[in-house]
C-alpha atoms as a PDB file:
ATOM      1  CA  MET A   1      -4.234  31.729  41.430  1.00  0.00           C
ATOM      2  CA  ILE A   2      -0.705  31.710  40.046  1.00  0.00           C
ATOM      3  CA  ALA A   3      -0.967  27.995  39.165  1.00  0.00           C
ATOM      4  CA  GLU A   4      -4.175  28.628  37.205  1.00  0.00           C
ATOM      5  CA  GLU A   5      -2.584  31.513  35.294  1.00  0.00           C
ATOM      6  CA  CYS A   6       0.443  29.343  34.476  1.00  0.00           C
ATOM      7  CA  ALA A   7      -1.837  26.538  33.308  1.00  0.00           C
ATOM      8  CA  ARG A   8      -3.802  28.954  31.073  1.00  0.00           C
ATOM      9  CA  SER A   9      -0.550  30.361  29.700  1.00  0.00           C
ATOM     10  CA  ILE A  10       0.712  26.867  28.847  1.00  0.00           C
ATOM     11  CA  GLU A  11      -2.660  25.973  27.326  1.00  0.00           C
ATOM     12  CA  ASN A  12      -2.564  29.101  25.138  1.00  0.00           C
ATOM     13  CA  GLU A  13       0.978  28.339  23.993  1.00  0.00           C
ATOM     14  CA  ILE A  14       0.083  24.763  23.129  1.00  0.00           C
ATOM     15  CA  GLY A  15      -3.079  25.889  21.352  1.00  0.00           C
ATOM     16  CA  GLY A  16      -1.106  28.405  19.311  1.00  0.00           C
ATOM     17  CA  PHE A  17       1.556  25.844  18.453  1.00  0.00           C
ATOM     18  CA  LEU A  18      -0.935  23.164  17.424  1.00  0.00           C
ATOM     19  CA  GLY A  19      -2.920  25.717  15.428  1.00  0.00           C
ATOM     20  CA  ALA A  20       0.236  26.718  13.567  1.00  0.00           C
ATOM     21  CA  VAL A  21       1.104  23.072  12.888  1.00  0.00           C
ATOM     22  CA  ILE A  22      -2.392  22.364  11.543  1.00  0.00           C
ATOM     23  CA  GLU A  23      -2.331  25.498   9.396  1.00  0.00           C
ATOM     24  CA  ASP A  24       1.092  24.554   8.030  1.00  0.00           C
ATOM     25  CA  ARG A  25      -0.081  20.997   7.294  1.00  0.00           C
ATOM     26  CA  GLU A  26      -3.101  22.305   5.354  1.00  0.00           C
ATOM     27  CA  LYS A  27      -0.894  24.705   3.378  1.00  0.00           C
ATOM     28  CA  VAL A  28       1.506  21.864   2.503  1.00  0.00           C
ATOM     29  CA  TYR A  29      -1.432  19.684   1.478  1.00  0.00           C
ATOM     30  CA  ARG A  30      -2.829  22.347  -0.880  1.00  0.00           C
ATOM     31  CA  SER A  31       0.559  23.099  -2.468  1.00  0.00           C
ATOM     32  CA  ALA A  32       1.438  19.398  -2.850  1.00  0.00           C
ATOM     33  CA  GLU A  33      -1.893  18.673  -4.471  1.00  0.00           C
ATOM     34  CA  LYS A  34      -1.431  21.548  -6.949  1.00  0.00           C
ATOM     35  CA  ALA A  35       2.196  20.692  -7.784  1.00  0.00           C
ATOM     36  CA  LEU A  36       1.631  16.953  -8.094  1.00  0.00           C
ATOM     37  CA  GLN A  37      -1.721  16.971  -9.891  1.00  0.00           C
ATOM     38  CA  PRO A  38      -0.412  16.066 -13.388  1.00  0.00           C
ATOM     39  CA  LEU A  39       1.755  13.226 -12.048  1.00  0.00           C
ATOM     40  CA  MET A  40      -0.924  12.038  -9.646  1.00  0.00           C
ATOM     41  CA  LEU A  41      -3.370  11.718 -12.530  1.00  0.00           C
ATOM     42  CA  LEU A  42      -1.045   9.182 -14.154  1.00  0.00           C
ATOM     43  CA  PHE A  43      -0.544   7.432 -10.809  1.00  0.00           C
ATOM     44  CA  ASP A  44      -4.320   7.359 -10.252  1.00  0.00           C
ATOM     45  CA  VAL A  45      -4.826   5.639 -13.616  1.00  0.00           C
ATOM     46  CA  ALA A  46      -2.267   2.993 -12.613  1.00  0.00           C
ATOM     47  CA  LEU A  47      -3.953   2.646  -9.203  1.00  0.00           C
ATOM     48  CA  LEU A  48      -7.313   2.177 -10.907  1.00  0.00           C
ATOM     49  CA  GLN A  49      -5.853  -0.603 -13.049  1.00  0.00           C
ATOM     50  CA  VAL A  50      -4.379  -2.339  -9.994  1.00  0.00           C
ATOM     51  CA  CYS A  51      -7.699  -2.028  -8.146  1.00  0.00           C
ATOM     52  CA  ASP A  52      -9.408  -3.613 -11.174  1.00  0.00           C
ATOM     53  CA  MET A  53      -6.902  -6.499 -11.078  1.00  0.00           C
ATOM     54  CA  SER A  54      -7.486  -6.891  -7.350  1.00  0.00           C
ATOM     55  CA  HIS A  55     -11.250  -6.925  -7.838  1.00  0.00           C
ATOM     56  CA  PHE A  56     -10.859  -9.503 -10.617  1.00  0.00           C
ATOM     57  CA  GLY A  57      -8.736 -11.605  -8.251  1.00  0.00           C
ATOM     58  CA  PHE A  58     -11.329 -11.218  -5.487  1.00  0.00           C
ATOM     59  CA  GLN A  59     -14.125 -12.360  -7.806  1.00  0.00           C
ATOM     60  CA  HIS A  60     -12.136 -15.473  -8.758  1.00  0.00           C
ATOM     61  CA  ALA A  61     -10.609 -16.257  -5.344  1.00  0.00           C
ATOM     62  CA  GLY A  62     -11.672 -19.718  -4.335  1.00  0.00           C
ATOM     63  CA  GLY A  63     -12.947 -20.468  -7.840  1.00  0.00           C
ATOM     64  CA  ARG A  64     -12.177 -23.624  -9.766  1.00  0.00           C
ATOM     65  CA  ALA A  65     -10.889 -21.928 -12.936  1.00  0.00           C
ATOM     66  CA  LYS A  66      -7.254 -20.915 -12.397  1.00  0.00           C
ATOM     67  CA  ILE A  67      -6.093 -17.408 -13.255  1.00  0.00           C
ATOM     68  CA  ILE A  68      -2.399 -18.317 -13.019  1.00  0.00           C
ATOM     69  CA  TRP A  69      -1.178 -20.885 -15.581  1.00  0.00           C
ATOM     70  CA  PRO A  70      -4.520 -22.580 -16.203  1.00  0.00           C
ATOM     71  CA  GLY A  71      -2.932 -25.551 -18.003  1.00  0.00           C
ATOM     72  CA  VAL A  72      -0.269 -26.263 -15.357  1.00  0.00           C
ATOM     73  CA  LEU A  73      -0.830 -28.623 -12.446  1.00  0.00           C
ATOM     74  CA  LEU A  74      -0.146 -26.480  -9.361  1.00  0.00           C
ATOM     75  CA  PRO A  75      -0.489 -27.284  -5.662  1.00  0.00           C
ATOM     76  CA  LYS A  76      -4.041 -26.855  -4.382  1.00  0.00           C
ATOM     77  CA  ARG A  77      -2.949 -25.057  -1.204  1.00  0.00           C
ATOM     78  CA  PRO A  78      -2.717 -22.140  -1.286  1.00  0.00           C
ATOM     79  CA  ARG A  79      -5.061 -21.789  -4.217  1.00  0.00           C
ATOM     80  CA  PRO A  80      -3.353 -19.965  -7.117  1.00  0.00           C
ATOM     81  CA  ASN A  81      -6.274 -17.550  -7.469  1.00  0.00           C
ATOM     82  CA  ASP A  82      -5.951 -16.610  -3.798  1.00  0.00           C
ATOM     83  CA  VAL A  83      -2.237 -15.910  -4.246  1.00  0.00           C
ATOM     84  CA  PHE A  84      -3.022 -13.656  -7.213  1.00  0.00           C
ATOM     85  CA  TYR A  85      -5.717 -11.823  -5.225  1.00  0.00           C
ATOM     86  CA  ILE A  86      -3.478 -11.311  -2.190  1.00  0.00           C
ATOM     87  CA  LEU A  87      -0.612  -9.945  -4.277  1.00  0.00           C
ATOM     88  CA  THR A  88      -2.822  -7.536  -6.242  1.00  0.00           C
ATOM     89  CA  SER A  89      -4.699  -6.475  -3.106  1.00  0.00           C
ATOM     90  CA  ASN A  90      -1.442  -5.758  -1.263  1.00  0.00           C
ATOM     91  CA  LEU A  91      -0.252  -3.695  -4.217  1.00  0.00           C
ATOM     92  CA  ALA A  92      -3.488  -1.685  -4.371  1.00  0.00           C
ATOM     93  CA  HIS A  93      -3.353  -0.927  -0.649  1.00  0.00           C
ATOM     94  CA  ALA A  94       0.322   0.055  -0.767  1.00  0.00           C
ATOM     95  CA  MET A  95      -0.328   2.377  -3.702  1.00  0.00           C
ATOM     96  CA  GLN A  96      -3.260   3.997  -1.906  1.00  0.00           C
ATOM     97  CA  ALA A  97      -1.142   4.513   1.209  1.00  0.00           C
ATOM     98  CA  PHE A  98       1.605   6.150  -0.872  1.00  0.00           C
ATOM     99  CA  ARG A  99      -0.901   8.419  -2.573  1.00  0.00           C
ATOM    100  CA  LEU A 100      -2.369   9.670   0.693  1.00  0.00           C
ATOM    101  CA  LEU A 101       0.998  10.159   2.342  1.00  0.00           C
ATOM    102  CA  ILE A 102       2.433  12.187  -0.537  1.00  0.00           C
ATOM    103  CA  LEU A 103      -0.668  14.359  -0.859  1.00  0.00           C
ATOM    104  CA  TYR A 104      -0.724  15.139   2.853  1.00  0.00           C
ATOM    105  CA  GLY A 105       2.927  16.196   2.801  1.00  0.00           C
ATOM    106  CA  PHE A 106       4.486  13.200   4.570  1.00  0.00           C
ATOM    107  CA  GLU A 107       7.366  12.941   2.133  1.00  0.00           C
ATOM    108  CA  SER A 108       9.726  10.639   4.046  1.00  0.00           C
ATOM    109  CA  GLN A 109       6.910   8.263   4.976  1.00  0.00           C
ATOM    110  CA  ALA A 110       5.723   8.326   1.354  1.00  0.00           C
ATOM    111  CA  ARG A 111       9.202   7.337   0.192  1.00  0.00           C
ATOM    112  CA  ALA A 112       9.140   4.314   2.499  1.00  0.00           C
ATOM    113  CA  ALA A 113       5.651   3.405   1.299  1.00  0.00           C
ATOM    114  CA  PHE A 114       6.725   3.747  -2.335  1.00  0.00           C
ATOM    115  CA  ARG A 115       9.622   1.405  -1.712  1.00  0.00           C
ATOM    116  CA  GLY A 116       7.006  -1.101  -0.516  1.00  0.00           C
ATOM    117  CA  VAL A 117       5.054  -0.539  -3.745  1.00  0.00           C
ATOM    118  CA  VAL A 118       8.145  -1.288  -5.850  1.00  0.00           C
ATOM    119  CA  GLU A 119       8.943  -4.394  -3.795  1.00  0.00           C
ATOM    120  CA  ILE A 120       5.397  -5.745  -4.200  1.00  0.00           C
ATOM    121  CA  VAL A 121       5.510  -5.086  -7.955  1.00  0.00           C
ATOM    122  CA  ASP A 122       8.853  -6.916  -8.204  1.00  0.00           C
ATOM    123  CA  LEU A 123       7.440  -9.799  -6.179  1.00  0.00           C
ATOM    124  CA  MET A 124       4.340  -9.987  -8.383  1.00  0.00           C
ATOM    125  CA  ILE A 125       6.371 -10.005 -11.575  1.00  0.00           C
ATOM    126  CA  VAL A 126       8.707 -12.738 -10.368  1.00  0.00           C
ATOM    127  CA  VAL A 127       6.050 -14.915  -8.727  1.00  0.00           C
ATOM    128  CA  LEU A 128       3.526 -14.669 -11.557  1.00  0.00           C
ATOM    129  CA  ALA A 129       6.032 -14.936 -14.419  1.00  0.00           C
ATOM    130  CA  ASP A 130       8.036 -17.975 -13.335  1.00  0.00           C
ATOM    131  CA  GLU A 131       6.435 -21.209 -12.193  1.00  0.00           C
ATOM    132  CA  ALA A 132       9.485 -22.335 -10.197  1.00  0.00           C
ATOM    133  CA  THR A 133       9.553 -19.034  -8.296  1.00  0.00           C
ATOM    134  CA  TYR A 134       5.803 -19.330  -7.695  1.00  0.00           C
ATOM    135  CA  ARG A 135       6.299 -22.791  -6.213  1.00  0.00           C
ATOM    136  CA  ALA A 136       9.145 -21.523  -4.009  1.00  0.00           C
ATOM    137  CA  TYR A 137       7.015 -18.537  -2.917  1.00  0.00           C
ATOM    138  CA  ILE A 138       4.097 -20.685  -1.758  1.00  0.00           C
ATOM    139  CA  THR A 139       6.284 -23.266  -0.009  1.00  0.00           C
ATOM    140  CA  SER A 140       5.521 -23.521   3.669  1.00  0.00           C
ATOM    141  CA  PHE A 141       7.923 -25.459   5.839  1.00  0.00           C
ATOM    142  CA  GLU A 142       6.480 -27.463   8.706  1.00  0.00           C
ATOM    143  CA  ASP A 143       9.902 -28.342  10.055  1.00  0.00           C
ATOM    144  CA  PRO A 144      11.611 -25.364  11.791  1.00  0.00           C
ATOM    145  CA  LYS A 145      14.999 -26.667  10.651  1.00  0.00           C
ATOM    146  CA  ALA A 146      13.911 -26.734   7.029  1.00  0.00           C
ATOM    147  CA  SER A 147      12.632 -23.150   7.200  1.00  0.00           C
END
């Protein structure tokens, strides 16, 4: 009898605690959405543009016409269009993750995700703007010593 009462008491305490956590999370979500709405609109436009680039890359992945430096002879593996698609797709996913984290009130996790967004953007700019960097980026070493 006493064990059952203790178990019910613990269950009630846990239920109350989890209910309070869920209620707090929903309150944070609503306030974050209201406070961030003007800035998120701008971010959403940028995200839409990146998703369009990713979709464009997906449509041309594996195609014969090159998106990156069409007049330059580049290595066939990996295909330049696939590299473009992977970079833009990674950026779109990272931006979406940041958006969800910030709106649901996970500020520290959102900061880490945003750092990933900035790093992918930097990588895209460098890899897609400079042919030598692109060639270094796609280099795969077969020899463990060389890598």
